[in-house]
Amino acid sequence: MAYFAELDSENIVIKVEIVDDSLVQGTWAENEAWCEANLTHSANGVAWKQTFMDSTTRGIYANGDNIIYRSADWEGHATADKFVQNLPQAWASVMKLSPTNYFVPIIDEPTVDDQGRSIPYDPNNFPEDALAWGFEPDNNRWAGSRSIDGTIVHKYYDPNTQTWINV
């Protein structure tokens, strides 16, 4: 089977259609032209681009929320002719494109929680007092929180000292 993403006028993916391989056996451009001639667009659809379920070609598989087709490199990221996550412009400088075509923070993930335990946690030995943590792109930092005696304590990770600091 072949997979084609329908795009809106801003190249945002609307949906993915599956087409029998026997109908599209040419180049990407020929296959996309076949879609234009034979598939019906949604209300906001304007173009078809071939996508690949195994994500080895043309970026990530386009079946999901918040995915965009980039026809050119974006903000210094090698995104030309790829499907990638549609990031806000403000996050472009704090994220990098991974080898698997997902945007990840430019600063390394923490390797320990605020108690010195390795993270990510072992799913078979998940601590009851685990630190909930994630990346805050607006602040370009890793942040976390934990409940201590019923009070939520917020922290951020300092990559220079490799410690968690109370906010």
Protein backbone atom coordinates (compact mmCIF):
# COMPACT_ATOMS: atom_id res chain seq x y z
CA MET A 1 0.00 0.00 0.00
CA ALA A 2 1.03 3.60 -0.62
CA TYR A 3 0.20 6.48 1.70
CA PHE A 4 -0.58 10.06 0.72
CA ALA A 5 -1.00 13.04 3.03
CA GLU A 6 -3.55 15.65 2.11
CA LEU A 7 -2.26 19.15 2.86
CA ASP A 8 -4.01 22.44 3.45
CA SER A 9 -2.78 25.77 2.02
CA GLU A 10 -0.18 26.06 4.82
CA ASN A 11 1.13 22.50 4.22
CA ILE A 12 -0.46 21.21 7.43
CA VAL A 13 -1.51 17.55 7.15
CA ILE A 14 -5.29 17.09 7.12
CA LYS A 15 -5.45 13.32 6.66
CA VAL A 16 -3.71 10.34 5.08
CA GLU A 17 -5.27 8.26 2.29
CA ILE A 18 -4.19 4.72 1.45
CA VAL A 19 -3.85 3.81 -2.23
CA ASP A 20 -3.23 0.38 -3.73
CA ASP A 21 0.38 0.03 -4.91
CA SER A 22 -0.74 -1.09 -8.36
CA LEU A 23 -2.21 2.39 -8.98
CA VAL A 24 0.90 4.38 -8.07
CA GLN A 25 4.17 2.92 -9.28
CA GLY A 26 6.00 6.01 -10.50
CA THR A 27 8.09 8.72 -8.93
CA TRP A 28 6.76 10.70 -5.99
CA ALA A 29 5.73 13.50 -8.36
CA GLU A 30 3.91 11.05 -10.68
CA ASN A 31 2.17 9.38 -7.75
CA GLU A 32 1.11 12.74 -6.31
CA ALA A 33 -0.21 13.78 -9.74
CA TRP A 34 -2.24 10.55 -9.82
CA CYS A 35 -3.75 11.51 -6.45
CA GLU A 36 -4.64 14.99 -7.74
CA ALA A 37 -6.43 13.41 -10.69
CA ASN A 38 -8.17 10.60 -8.80
CA LEU A 39 -8.71 11.52 -5.15
CA THR A 40 -11.16 14.09 -3.85
CA HIS A 41 -9.84 16.85 -1.62
CA SER A 42 -11.38 17.68 1.75
CA ALA A 43 -12.90 21.14 2.18
CA ASN A 44 -9.50 22.73 2.97
CA GLY A 45 -7.30 20.32 1.03
CA VAL A 46 -5.07 21.67 -1.75
CA ALA A 47 -2.31 19.10 -2.38
CA TRP A 48 -1.18 15.49 -1.91
CA LYS A 49 2.32 14.40 -0.81
CA GLN A 50 3.49 10.83 -0.50
CA THR A 51 4.39 9.76 3.03
CA PHE A 52 5.90 6.52 4.28
CA MET A 53 4.66 4.50 7.23
CA ASP A 54 8.14 3.29 8.19
CA SER A 55 9.38 6.92 8.47
CA THR A 56 12.61 6.09 6.63
CA THR A 57 11.83 8.42 3.76
CA ARG A 58 10.57 11.99 3.78
CA GLY A 59 10.64 12.50 7.53
CA ILE A 60 8.07 11.13 9.93
CA TYR A 61 4.91 9.32 8.87
CA ALA A 62 2.32 12.03 8.30
CA ASN A 63 -0.55 10.34 10.11
CA GLY A 64 -0.99 12.34 13.29
CA ASP A 65 -1.80 15.69 14.81
CA ASN A 66 0.30 18.80 14.29
CA ILE A 67 2.38 17.56 11.34
CA ILE A 68 3.53 19.80 8.53
CA TYR A 69 5.19 19.15 5.19
CA ARG A 70 8.22 21.43 4.77
CA SER A 71 9.26 22.09 1.18
CA ALA A 72 12.40 23.94 2.32
CA ASP A 73 14.72 24.04 5.31
CA TRP A 74 13.10 25.82 8.25
CA GLU A 75 14.98 28.11 10.63
CA GLY A 76 18.30 26.33 10.08
CA HIS A 77 16.82 22.83 10.42
CA ALA A 78 17.25 20.31 7.57
CA THR A 79 13.53 19.93 6.88
CA ALA A 80 13.40 20.29 3.09
CA ASP A 81 10.96 17.79 1.52
CA LYS A 82 10.06 16.27 4.90
CA PHE A 83 7.12 15.76 7.18
CA VAL A 84 7.95 17.05 10.67
CA GLN A 85 6.23 18.29 13.80
CA ASN A 86 4.77 21.76 13.34
CA LEU A 87 6.60 23.76 16.00
CA PRO A 88 5.85 27.36 16.95
CA GLN A 89 8.35 29.81 15.46
CA ALA A 90 9.48 30.79 18.97
CA TRP A 91 10.74 27.24 19.64
CA ALA A 92 12.94 26.97 16.54
CA SER A 93 16.09 28.10 18.36
CA VAL A 94 15.69 25.76 21.36
CA MET A 95 14.99 22.57 19.42
CA LYS A 96 17.02 20.46 17.00
CA LEU A 97 15.97 17.87 14.46
CA SER A 98 16.97 14.38 15.60
CA PRO A 99 18.21 11.67 13.19
CA THR A 100 14.68 10.19 13.38
CA ASN A 101 13.20 13.53 12.22
CA TYR A 102 11.60 14.52 15.51
CA PHE A 103 12.34 17.83 17.18
CA VAL A 104 14.12 17.44 20.52
CA PRO A 105 15.54 20.03 22.94
CA ILE A 106 19.01 21.34 22.21
CA ILE A 107 19.96 20.83 25.86
CA ASP A 108 20.48 17.30 27.10
CA GLU A 109 17.87 15.55 29.20
CA PRO A 110 18.57 15.23 32.92
CA THR A 111 19.94 11.85 33.94
CA VAL A 112 18.94 12.04 37.61
CA ASP A 113 15.90 13.28 39.51
CA ASP A 114 16.05 15.64 42.47
CA GLN A 115 16.75 12.66 44.77
CA GLY A 116 19.74 11.49 42.69
CA ARG A 117 17.87 8.52 41.18
CA SER A 118 18.41 7.68 37.51
CA ILE A 119 15.77 8.91 35.06
CA PRO A 120 13.89 7.91 33.12
CA TYR A 121 12.63 5.62 35.85
CA ASP A 122 12.58 1.86 35.49
CA PRO A 123 8.93 1.04 34.68
CA ASN A 124 9.25 -2.11 36.81
CA ASN A 125 10.52 -0.14 39.80
CA PHE A 126 8.73 3.22 39.54
CA PRO A 127 9.13 5.25 42.76
CA GLU A 128 5.99 6.39 44.58
CA ASP A 129 7.51 9.86 45.01
CA ALA A 130 8.60 10.17 41.37
CA LEU A 131 9.46 13.57 39.97
CA ALA A 132 7.14 14.55 37.11
CA TRP A 133 9.36 16.28 34.56
CA GLY A 134 9.41 17.56 31.01
CA PHE A 135 10.88 20.18 28.73
CA GLU A 136 9.64 23.79 28.79
CA PRO A 137 10.50 25.17 25.34
CA ASP A 138 9.37 28.69 26.23
CA ASN A 139 12.02 28.77 28.98
CA ASN A 140 14.54 26.44 27.26
CA ARG A 141 14.85 24.24 30.33
CA TRP A 142 13.78 20.98 31.90
CA ALA A 143 11.26 21.48 34.69
CA GLY A 144 9.71 19.17 37.20
CA SER A 145 7.42 18.99 40.17
CA ARG A 146 6.71 16.69 43.06
CA SER A 147 4.23 16.60 45.89
CA ILE A 148 5.82 16.99 49.31
CA ASP A 149 3.40 16.63 52.22
CA GLY A 150 0.51 17.60 49.93
CA THR A 151 2.25 20.70 48.53
CA ILE A 152 3.41 20.81 44.91
CA VAL A 153 7.04 21.88 44.71
CA HIS A 154 8.24 23.12 41.30
CA LYS A 155 11.85 22.74 40.22
CA TYR A 156 14.02 23.27 37.17
CA TYR A 157 17.13 21.43 36.08
CA ASP A 158 20.47 23.23 35.90
CA PRO A 159 22.53 21.37 33.28
CA ASN A 160 25.74 23.07 34.43
CA THR A 161 25.56 21.67 37.97
CA GLN A 162 23.36 18.71 37.01
CA THR A 163 21.02 19.48 39.92
CA TRP A 164 17.36 20.37 40.38
CA ILE A 165 16.66 23.81 41.84
CA ASN A 166 13.44 24.91 43.57
CA VAL A 167 11.60 27.62 41.66
